[in-house]
Amino acid sequence: MSADRHEGVGEVRQSANHQEQLIDSLARRLDNWKLTTPAIAFFETHKPLSFIASQSLLVLQPLLTLFLGDASLEDYVMLLEDRSNVDRIICRLEELQGDPGAAEPAVPGEGERSWRR
């Protein structure tokens, strides 16, 4: 696990670079699966419960390793324990989603199907 142990405190914390990699990896997977908008809604709605959600990942660990691949689930648990990381995930998803105006048709008139002929 790529985390730093602080002496005397007994606390394990992830490096900022590792957190960014996890956030980017998670956001890109959700974007590839076309789940960006539902994921943003989910994270916004469940932000106050981020600690409980992080602990529930441990319960669902056998199933989630199928979706998360080789990434250590413990890293995601530690990531979601901090509510500020949930905000960072949401921001990264919104960056990948792009501007609402970017969804316009590539060919002029393609999206403008008129009921009049």
C-alpha atoms as a PDB file:
ATOM      1  CA  MET A   1       0.000   0.000   0.000  1.00  0.00           C
ATOM      2  CA  SER A   2       1.456   3.367  -0.900  1.00  0.00           C
ATOM      3  CA  ALA A   3       0.701   5.230   2.287  1.00  0.00           C
ATOM      4  CA  ASP A   4       2.826   7.044   4.802  1.00  0.00           C
ATOM      5  CA  ARG A   5       2.851   6.040   8.466  1.00  0.00           C
ATOM      6  CA  HIS A   6       3.337   8.961  10.828  1.00  0.00           C
ATOM      7  CA  GLU A   7       5.471   8.130  13.825  1.00  0.00           C
ATOM      8  CA  GLY A   8       3.833   8.302  17.225  1.00  0.00           C
ATOM      9  CA  VAL A   9       0.385   8.888  15.816  1.00  0.00           C
ATOM     10  CA  GLY A  10      -0.323   5.434  14.409  1.00  0.00           C
ATOM     11  CA  GLU A  11      -2.234   7.017  11.559  1.00  0.00           C
ATOM     12  CA  VAL A  12      -1.864   5.940   7.956  1.00  0.00           C
ATOM     13  CA  ARG A  13      -2.275   8.642   5.322  1.00  0.00           C
ATOM     14  CA  GLN A  14      -2.019   8.512   1.563  1.00  0.00           C
ATOM     15  CA  SER A  15       0.342  10.793  -0.301  1.00  0.00           C
ATOM     16  CA  ALA A  16      -1.330  13.612  -2.228  1.00  0.00           C
ATOM     17  CA  ASN A  17       0.021  12.223  -5.508  1.00  0.00           C
ATOM     18  CA  HIS A  18      -1.446   8.778  -4.800  1.00  0.00           C
ATOM     19  CA  GLN A  19      -4.816  10.326  -3.920  1.00  0.00           C
ATOM     20  CA  GLU A  20      -4.842  12.233  -7.212  1.00  0.00           C
ATOM     21  CA  GLN A  21      -4.078   9.037  -9.101  1.00  0.00           C
ATOM     22  CA  LEU A  22      -6.943   7.212  -7.366  1.00  0.00           C
ATOM     23  CA  ILE A  23      -9.361  10.071  -8.007  1.00  0.00           C
ATOM     24  CA  ASP A  24      -8.360  10.280 -11.669  1.00  0.00           C
ATOM     25  CA  SER A  25      -8.576   6.514 -12.117  1.00  0.00           C
ATOM     26  CA  LEU A  26     -12.028   6.326 -10.527  1.00  0.00           C
ATOM     27  CA  ALA A  27     -13.343   9.304 -12.485  1.00  0.00           C
ATOM     28  CA  ARG A  28     -12.036   7.952 -15.792  1.00  0.00           C
ATOM     29  CA  ARG A  29     -13.588   4.524 -15.191  1.00  0.00           C
ATOM     30  CA  LEU A  30     -16.946   6.075 -14.407  1.00  0.00           C
ATOM     31  CA  ASP A  31     -16.656   8.286 -17.480  1.00  0.00           C
ATOM     32  CA  ASN A  32     -15.760   5.305 -19.689  1.00  0.00           C
ATOM     33  CA  TRP A  33     -18.816   3.460 -18.394  1.00  0.00           C
ATOM     34  CA  LYS A  34     -20.953   6.559 -19.187  1.00  0.00           C
ATOM     35  CA  LEU A  35     -21.873   6.896 -15.507  1.00  0.00           C
ATOM     36  CA  THR A  36     -20.533  10.409 -14.962  1.00  0.00           C
ATOM     37  CA  THR A  37     -23.866  12.130 -14.285  1.00  0.00           C
ATOM     38  CA  PRO A  38     -25.270   9.385 -12.014  1.00  0.00           C
ATOM     39  CA  ALA A  39     -21.942   9.256 -10.157  1.00  0.00           C
ATOM     40  CA  ILE A  40     -21.972  13.011  -9.547  1.00  0.00           C
ATOM     41  CA  ALA A  41     -25.550  12.784  -8.247  1.00  0.00           C
ATOM     42  CA  PHE A  42     -24.606   9.819  -6.054  1.00  0.00           C
ATOM     43  CA  PHE A  43     -21.533  11.504  -4.557  1.00  0.00           C
ATOM     44  CA  GLU A  44     -23.383  14.800  -3.988  1.00  0.00           C
ATOM     45  CA  THR A  45     -26.277  13.029  -2.283  1.00  0.00           C
ATOM     46  CA  HIS A  46     -24.146  10.759  -0.115  1.00  0.00           C
ATOM     47  CA  LYS A  47     -21.366  13.219   0.740  1.00  0.00           C
ATOM     48  CA  PRO A  48     -22.437  13.477   4.414  1.00  0.00           C
ATOM     49  CA  LEU A  49     -22.219   9.687   4.666  1.00  0.00           C
ATOM     50  CA  SER A  50     -18.787   9.361   3.056  1.00  0.00           C
ATOM     51  CA  PHE A  51     -17.212   7.737   6.126  1.00  0.00           C
ATOM     52  CA  ILE A  52     -19.967   5.134   6.392  1.00  0.00           C
ATOM     53  CA  ALA A  53     -19.733   4.532   2.644  1.00  0.00           C
ATOM     54  CA  SER A  54     -15.992   4.008   2.938  1.00  0.00           C
ATOM     55  CA  GLN A  55     -16.540   1.377   5.610  1.00  0.00           C
ATOM     56  CA  SER A  56     -19.227  -0.348   3.548  1.00  0.00           C
ATOM     57  CA  LEU A  57     -16.619  -0.798   0.819  1.00  0.00           C
ATOM     58  CA  LEU A  58     -14.884  -3.220   3.129  1.00  0.00           C
ATOM     59  CA  VAL A  59     -18.045  -5.291   3.392  1.00  0.00           C
ATOM     60  CA  LEU A  60     -18.489  -5.309  -0.386  1.00  0.00           C
ATOM     61  CA  GLN A  61     -14.803  -5.932  -1.061  1.00  0.00           C
ATOM     62  CA  PRO A  62     -15.165  -9.326  -2.834  1.00  0.00           C
ATOM     63  CA  LEU A  63     -17.688  -7.944  -5.329  1.00  0.00           C
ATOM     64  CA  LEU A  64     -15.997  -4.592  -5.889  1.00  0.00           C
ATOM     65  CA  THR A  65     -12.613  -6.065  -6.774  1.00  0.00           C
ATOM     66  CA  LEU A  66     -14.259  -7.222 -10.013  1.00  0.00           C
ATOM     67  CA  PHE A  67     -14.923  -3.586 -10.975  1.00  0.00           C
ATOM     68  CA  LEU A  68     -11.912  -1.860  -9.452  1.00  0.00           C
ATOM     69  CA  GLY A  69      -9.384  -4.338 -10.761  1.00  0.00           C
ATOM     70  CA  ASP A  70      -5.961  -4.454  -9.186  1.00  0.00           C
ATOM     71  CA  ALA A  71      -6.318  -1.213  -7.251  1.00  0.00           C
ATOM     72  CA  SER A  72      -6.284  -1.806  -3.540  1.00  0.00           C
ATOM     73  CA  LEU A  73      -9.734  -1.342  -2.074  1.00  0.00           C
ATOM     74  CA  GLU A  74      -8.151  -0.166   1.155  1.00  0.00           C
ATOM     75  CA  ASP A  75      -6.787   2.825  -0.765  1.00  0.00           C
ATOM     76  CA  TYR A  76     -10.318   3.737  -1.867  1.00  0.00           C
ATOM     77  CA  VAL A  77     -11.576   3.273   1.686  1.00  0.00           C
ATOM     78  CA  MET A  78      -8.961   5.700   2.976  1.00  0.00           C
ATOM     79  CA  LEU A  79      -9.748   8.095   0.125  1.00  0.00           C
ATOM     80  CA  LEU A  80     -13.475   8.206   0.895  1.00  0.00           C
ATOM     81  CA  GLU A  81     -13.024   8.617   4.641  1.00  0.00           C
ATOM     82  CA  ASP A  82     -12.225  12.290   4.043  1.00  0.00           C
ATOM     83  CA  ARG A  83     -15.180  14.310   2.771  1.00  0.00           C
ATOM     84  CA  SER A  84     -12.891  16.749   0.941  1.00  0.00           C
ATOM     85  CA  ASN A  85     -11.781  13.893  -1.309  1.00  0.00           C
ATOM     86  CA  VAL A  86     -15.399  13.310  -2.291  1.00  0.00           C
ATOM     87  CA  ASP A  87     -15.520  16.944  -3.419  1.00  0.00           C
ATOM     88  CA  ARG A  88     -12.352  16.371  -5.433  1.00  0.00           C
ATOM     89  CA  ILE A  89     -13.899  13.302  -7.094  1.00  0.00           C
ATOM     90  CA  ILE A  90     -16.984  15.334  -8.017  1.00  0.00           C
ATOM     91  CA  CYS A  91     -14.807  18.118  -9.472  1.00  0.00           C
ATOM     92  CA  ARG A  92     -12.814  15.606 -11.533  1.00  0.00           C
ATOM     93  CA  LEU A  93     -16.015  14.000 -12.848  1.00  0.00           C
ATOM     94  CA  GLU A  94     -17.344  17.433 -13.815  1.00  0.00           C
ATOM     95  CA  GLU A  95     -14.085  18.168 -15.649  1.00  0.00           C
ATOM     96  CA  LEU A  96     -14.414  14.939 -17.613  1.00  0.00           C
ATOM     97  CA  GLN A  97     -18.047  15.612 -18.324  1.00  0.00           C
ATOM     98  CA  GLY A  98     -17.128  18.939 -19.888  1.00  0.00           C
ATOM     99  CA  ASP A  99     -19.299  21.903 -20.644  1.00  0.00           C
ATOM    100  CA  PRO A 100     -23.022  21.390 -21.244  1.00  0.00           C
ATOM    101  CA  GLY A 101     -22.608  23.161 -24.596  1.00  0.00           C
ATOM    102  CA  ALA A 102     -20.127  20.529 -25.744  1.00  0.00           C
ATOM    103  CA  ALA A 103     -22.945  18.064 -26.359  1.00  0.00           C
ATOM    104  CA  GLU A 104     -24.193  19.968 -29.439  1.00  0.00           C
ATOM    105  CA  PRO A 105     -24.348  18.019 -32.694  1.00  0.00           C
ATOM    106  CA  ALA A 106     -21.202  17.961 -34.798  1.00  0.00           C
ATOM    107  CA  VAL A 107     -23.104  18.515 -38.056  1.00  0.00           C
ATOM    108  CA  PRO A 108     -25.244  21.665 -38.198  1.00  0.00           C
ATOM    109  CA  GLY A 109     -28.908  20.817 -38.277  1.00  0.00           C
ATOM    110  CA  GLU A 110     -28.355  17.177 -37.278  1.00  0.00           C
ATOM    111  CA  GLY A 111     -29.961  17.634 -33.880  1.00  0.00           C
ATOM    112  CA  GLU A 112     -32.724  19.857 -35.210  1.00  0.00           C
ATOM    113  CA  ARG A 113     -35.205  17.335 -36.537  1.00  0.00           C
ATOM    114  CA  SER A 114     -38.320  19.274 -37.189  1.00  0.00           C
ATOM    115  CA  TRP A 115     -41.814  17.868 -37.062  1.00  0.00           C
ATOM    116  CA  ARG A 116     -42.536  20.144 -40.035  1.00  0.00           C
ATOM    117  CA  ARG A 117     -41.390  18.995 -43.462  1.00  0.00           C
END
